[in-house]
Amino acid sequence: MVTEDELAGLAELFHQMADPTRLGLLMALLRGETCVCDLSDGSGVSMSAVSHQLRSLRTARLVRSRREGRHVFYSLDDDHVEDLVRIGLEHVRES
């Protein structure tokens, strides 16, 4: 049996992953830990916009952050996030 809270949490998880910019950031993080400046360069999105999207992903526990001096580095929160992204991509490619 799935609780209402679990359904709401799952819906929020998929809502966060449904945004193309946030999903692109998750895809970039499949390669490993990356700083905001490199994510911005690779995505063509401003650093402030990338930081805003990463904040949403961090709140949803899809990414985690680590500060080193003035730089903040992000990585996927755990293997489940990688599995979700890879399985979703596989499903899309099979369609």
N, C-alpha and C. Protein backbone atom coordinates (compact mmCIF):
# COMPACT_ATOMS: atom_id res chain seq x y z
N MET A 1 0.84 -1.19 0.00
CA MET A 1 0.00 0.00 0.00
C MET A 1 0.88 1.25 0.00
N VAL A 2 0.54 2.19 -0.81
CA VAL A 2 1.28 3.45 -0.92
C VAL A 2 0.48 4.53 -0.20
N THR A 3 1.18 5.30 0.63
CA THR A 3 0.50 6.36 1.38
C THR A 3 0.35 7.62 0.52
N GLU A 4 -0.50 8.50 0.96
CA GLU A 4 -0.69 9.78 0.26
C GLU A 4 0.60 10.59 0.28
N ASP A 5 1.34 10.55 1.39
CA ASP A 5 2.62 11.26 1.48
C ASP A 5 3.63 10.71 0.50
N GLU A 6 3.66 9.40 0.34
CA GLU A 6 4.57 8.78 -0.62
C GLU A 6 4.21 9.17 -2.05
N LEU A 7 2.91 9.19 -2.35
CA LEU A 7 2.47 9.61 -3.69
C LEU A 7 2.85 11.06 -3.95
N ALA A 8 2.66 11.91 -2.97
CA ALA A 8 3.02 13.32 -3.12
C ALA A 8 4.53 13.48 -3.32
N GLY A 9 5.30 12.73 -2.57
CA GLY A 9 6.76 12.78 -2.72
C GLY A 9 7.21 12.30 -4.08
N LEU A 10 6.60 11.23 -4.57
CA LEU A 10 6.94 10.70 -5.89
C LEU A 10 6.55 11.68 -6.99
N ALA A 11 5.39 12.30 -6.84
CA ALA A 11 4.95 13.29 -7.82
C ALA A 11 5.92 14.47 -7.85
N GLU A 12 6.39 14.92 -6.69
CA GLU A 12 7.35 16.03 -6.63
C GLU A 12 8.68 15.63 -7.26
N LEU A 13 9.12 14.40 -7.01
CA LEU A 13 10.35 13.91 -7.62
C LEU A 13 10.27 13.98 -9.14
N PHE A 14 9.19 13.46 -9.71
CA PHE A 14 9.03 13.48 -11.16
C PHE A 14 8.80 14.90 -11.68
N HIS A 15 8.16 15.75 -10.89
CA HIS A 15 7.99 17.15 -11.29
C HIS A 15 9.36 17.82 -11.44
N GLN A 16 10.25 17.58 -10.50
CA GLN A 16 11.59 18.17 -10.57
C GLN A 16 12.35 17.66 -11.78
N MET A 17 12.18 16.41 -12.10
CA MET A 17 12.89 15.82 -13.24
C MET A 17 12.24 16.17 -14.57
N ALA A 18 11.03 16.72 -14.55
CA ALA A 18 10.30 17.00 -15.78
C ALA A 18 10.77 18.26 -16.50
N ASP A 19 11.52 19.11 -15.83
CA ASP A 19 12.01 20.34 -16.43
C ASP A 19 13.24 20.03 -17.28
N PRO A 20 13.24 20.42 -18.56
CA PRO A 20 14.38 20.09 -19.44
C PRO A 20 15.72 20.62 -18.94
N THR A 21 15.75 21.81 -18.36
CA THR A 21 17.02 22.35 -17.84
C THR A 21 17.52 21.52 -16.67
N ARG A 22 16.63 21.21 -15.72
CA ARG A 22 17.04 20.41 -14.56
C ARG A 22 17.45 19.02 -15.00
N LEU A 23 16.71 18.44 -15.94
CA LEU A 23 17.06 17.10 -16.42
C LEU A 23 18.41 17.13 -17.14
N GLY A 24 18.69 18.18 -17.88
CA GLY A 24 20.00 18.32 -18.53
C GLY A 24 21.13 18.40 -17.51
N LEU A 25 20.88 19.09 -16.41
CA LEU A 25 21.89 19.16 -15.34
C LEU A 25 22.12 17.78 -14.73
N LEU A 26 21.04 17.05 -14.51
CA LEU A 26 21.19 15.68 -13.98
C LEU A 26 21.99 14.82 -14.95
N MET A 27 21.71 14.96 -16.25
CA MET A 27 22.45 14.18 -17.25
C MET A 27 23.93 14.54 -17.21
N ALA A 28 24.24 15.82 -17.06
CA ALA A 28 25.64 16.24 -16.98
C ALA A 28 26.31 15.66 -15.74
N LEU A 29 25.57 15.55 -14.66
CA LEU A 29 26.14 15.02 -13.42
C LEU A 29 26.31 13.50 -13.44
N LEU A 30 25.76 12.84 -14.45
CA LEU A 30 26.02 11.41 -14.61
C LEU A 30 27.52 11.16 -14.79
N ARG A 31 28.22 12.15 -15.34
CA ARG A 31 29.66 12.01 -15.58
C ARG A 31 30.48 12.22 -14.31
N GLY A 32 29.86 12.73 -13.26
CA GLY A 32 30.56 12.92 -12.00
C GLY A 32 30.39 14.32 -11.45
N GLU A 33 31.01 14.55 -10.32
CA GLU A 33 30.92 15.82 -9.62
C GLU A 33 31.41 16.97 -10.50
N THR A 34 30.68 18.08 -10.47
CA THR A 34 30.98 19.21 -11.33
C THR A 34 30.65 20.51 -10.61
N CYS A 35 31.42 21.55 -10.89
CA CYS A 35 31.14 22.86 -10.30
C CYS A 35 30.08 23.59 -11.11
N VAL A 36 29.47 24.58 -10.49
CA VAL A 36 28.41 25.35 -11.13
C VAL A 36 28.92 26.00 -12.42
N CYS A 37 30.14 26.53 -12.39
CA CYS A 37 30.66 27.23 -13.58
C CYS A 37 30.77 26.27 -14.77
N ASP A 38 31.20 25.05 -14.55
CA ASP A 38 31.29 24.09 -15.66
C ASP A 38 29.91 23.64 -16.13
N LEU A 39 28.97 23.48 -15.20
CA LEU A 39 27.60 23.14 -15.60
C LEU A 39 27.00 24.27 -16.43
N SER A 40 27.29 25.50 -16.05
CA SER A 40 26.79 26.65 -16.80
C SER A 40 27.39 26.68 -18.20
N ASP A 41 28.70 26.51 -18.30
CA ASP A 41 29.37 26.50 -19.61
C ASP A 41 28.83 25.39 -20.50
N GLY A 42 28.65 24.21 -19.94
CA GLY A 42 28.20 23.07 -20.73
C GLY A 42 26.75 23.14 -21.16
N SER A 43 25.94 23.85 -20.39
CA SER A 43 24.51 23.90 -20.70
C SER A 43 24.11 25.16 -21.46
N GLY A 44 24.98 26.18 -21.45
CA GLY A 44 24.62 27.44 -22.08
C GLY A 44 23.62 28.25 -21.27
N VAL A 45 23.45 27.88 -20.02
CA VAL A 45 22.53 28.57 -19.10
C VAL A 45 23.38 29.38 -18.13
N SER A 46 22.90 30.56 -17.75
CA SER A 46 23.68 31.43 -16.87
C SER A 46 23.96 30.74 -15.53
N MET A 47 25.04 31.17 -14.88
CA MET A 47 25.40 30.58 -13.59
C MET A 47 24.30 30.78 -12.56
N SER A 48 23.65 31.94 -12.57
CA SER A 48 22.59 32.17 -11.59
C SER A 48 21.39 31.26 -11.85
N ALA A 49 21.07 31.02 -13.12
CA ALA A 49 19.96 30.12 -13.45
C ALA A 49 20.31 28.68 -13.09
N VAL A 50 21.56 28.28 -13.35
CA VAL A 50 22.00 26.93 -12.98
C VAL A 50 21.93 26.76 -11.46
N SER A 51 22.40 27.76 -10.72
CA SER A 51 22.36 27.69 -9.26
C SER A 51 20.92 27.57 -8.76
N HIS A 52 20.02 28.31 -9.37
CA HIS A 52 18.61 28.25 -8.99
C HIS A 52 18.04 26.84 -9.23
N GLN A 53 18.34 26.28 -10.40
CA GLN A 53 17.84 24.93 -10.71
C GLN A 53 18.46 23.89 -9.79
N LEU A 54 19.74 24.03 -9.49
CA LEU A 54 20.40 23.08 -8.60
C LEU A 54 19.83 23.16 -7.19
N ARG A 55 19.43 24.35 -6.77
CA ARG A 55 18.81 24.49 -5.45
C ARG A 55 17.52 23.68 -5.40
N SER A 56 16.72 23.73 -6.47
CA SER A 56 15.50 22.93 -6.54
C SER A 56 15.80 21.44 -6.50
N LEU A 57 16.82 21.04 -7.26
CA LEU A 57 17.20 19.62 -7.28
C LEU A 57 17.75 19.16 -5.93
N ARG A 58 18.46 20.04 -5.24
CA ARG A 58 18.99 19.70 -3.93
C ARG A 58 17.84 19.56 -2.91
N THR A 59 16.87 20.44 -2.98
CA THR A 59 15.71 20.37 -2.09
C THR A 59 14.95 19.06 -2.30
N ALA A 60 14.90 18.61 -3.55
CA ALA A 60 14.22 17.34 -3.87
C ALA A 60 15.11 16.13 -3.62
N ARG A 61 16.31 16.36 -3.09
CA ARG A 61 17.28 15.31 -2.78
C ARG A 61 17.73 14.52 -4.01
N LEU A 62 17.80 15.23 -5.15
CA LEU A 62 18.30 14.61 -6.38
C LEU A 62 19.79 14.88 -6.56
N VAL A 63 20.27 15.98 -5.99
CA VAL A 63 21.70 16.29 -6.03
C VAL A 63 22.16 16.68 -4.62
N ARG A 64 23.46 16.63 -4.43
CA ARG A 64 24.07 17.11 -3.19
C ARG A 64 25.20 18.06 -3.55
N SER A 65 25.56 18.90 -2.60
CA SER A 65 26.60 19.89 -2.87
C SER A 65 27.73 19.78 -1.87
N ARG A 66 28.88 20.30 -2.32
CA ARG A 66 30.08 20.33 -1.49
C ARG A 66 30.81 21.62 -1.81
N ARG A 67 31.15 22.38 -0.79
CA ARG A 67 31.84 23.65 -0.99
C ARG A 67 33.34 23.43 -0.84
N GLU A 68 34.09 24.03 -1.77
CA GLU A 68 35.55 24.03 -1.71
C GLU A 68 36.00 25.45 -2.02
N GLY A 69 36.32 26.19 -0.99
CA GLY A 69 36.67 27.60 -1.17
C GLY A 69 35.46 28.36 -1.66
N ARG A 70 35.64 29.07 -2.78
CA ARG A 70 34.53 29.84 -3.36
C ARG A 70 33.66 29.01 -4.29
N HIS A 71 34.07 27.82 -4.60
CA HIS A 71 33.34 27.00 -5.57
C HIS A 71 32.45 25.99 -4.86
N VAL A 72 31.29 25.73 -5.47
CA VAL A 72 30.38 24.70 -4.99
C VAL A 72 30.33 23.62 -6.05
N PHE A 73 30.54 22.40 -5.63
CA PHE A 73 30.52 21.25 -6.53
C PHE A 73 29.26 20.43 -6.27
N TYR A 74 28.68 19.94 -7.34
CA TYR A 74 27.45 19.17 -7.24
C TYR A 74 27.67 17.77 -7.79
N SER A 75 26.92 16.83 -7.23
CA SER A 75 26.92 15.45 -7.72
C SER A 75 25.52 14.89 -7.51
N LEU A 76 25.22 13.79 -8.18
CA LEU A 76 23.95 13.12 -7.96
C LEU A 76 23.89 12.67 -6.51
N ASP A 77 22.71 12.72 -5.93
CA ASP A 77 22.57 12.40 -4.51
C ASP A 77 22.92 10.95 -4.20
N ASP A 78 22.49 10.03 -5.07
CA ASP A 78 22.80 8.62 -4.85
C ASP A 78 22.58 7.83 -6.15
N ASP A 79 22.82 6.55 -6.09
CA ASP A 79 22.70 5.70 -7.28
C ASP A 79 21.27 5.62 -7.80
N HIS A 80 20.28 5.83 -6.94
CA HIS A 80 18.89 5.78 -7.38
C HIS A 80 18.60 6.86 -8.42
N VAL A 81 19.19 8.03 -8.24
CA VAL A 81 18.97 9.12 -9.18
C VAL A 81 19.56 8.74 -10.54
N GLU A 82 20.76 8.19 -10.53
CA GLU A 82 21.37 7.74 -11.79
C GLU A 82 20.49 6.69 -12.45
N ASP A 83 19.98 5.74 -11.68
CA ASP A 83 19.10 4.70 -12.23
C ASP A 83 17.86 5.31 -12.87
N LEU A 84 17.23 6.27 -12.19
CA LEU A 84 16.02 6.91 -12.72
C LEU A 84 16.30 7.57 -14.07
N VAL A 85 17.39 8.30 -14.15
CA VAL A 85 17.72 9.01 -15.39
C VAL A 85 18.04 8.02 -16.49
N ARG A 86 18.86 7.05 -16.20
CA ARG A 86 19.25 6.07 -17.24
C ARG A 86 18.06 5.23 -17.71
N ILE A 87 17.23 4.78 -16.79
CA ILE A 87 16.07 3.97 -17.17
C ILE A 87 15.08 4.81 -17.98
N GLY A 88 14.88 6.06 -17.58
CA GLY A 88 13.99 6.94 -18.33
C GLY A 88 14.50 7.16 -19.75
N LEU A 89 15.79 7.40 -19.89
CA LEU A 89 16.37 7.59 -21.21
C LEU A 89 16.24 6.33 -22.06
N GLU A 90 16.50 5.20 -21.43
CA GLU A 90 16.35 3.91 -22.15
C GLU A 90 14.93 3.73 -22.63
N HIS A 91 13.97 4.06 -21.80
CA HIS A 91 12.55 3.93 -22.17
C HIS A 91 12.22 4.84 -23.36
N VAL A 92 12.71 6.06 -23.33
CA VAL A 92 12.46 7.00 -24.42
C VAL A 92 13.09 6.52 -25.72
N ARG A 93 14.29 5.99 -25.63
CA ARG A 93 15.00 5.53 -26.83
C ARG A 93 14.34 4.29 -27.45
N GLU A 94 13.64 3.51 -26.65
CA GLU A 94 12.98 2.31 -27.17
C GLU A 94 11.65 2.62 -27.83
N SER A 95 11.13 3.79 -27.61
CA SER A 95 9.80 4.16 -28.15
C SER A 95 9.84 4.37 -29.65
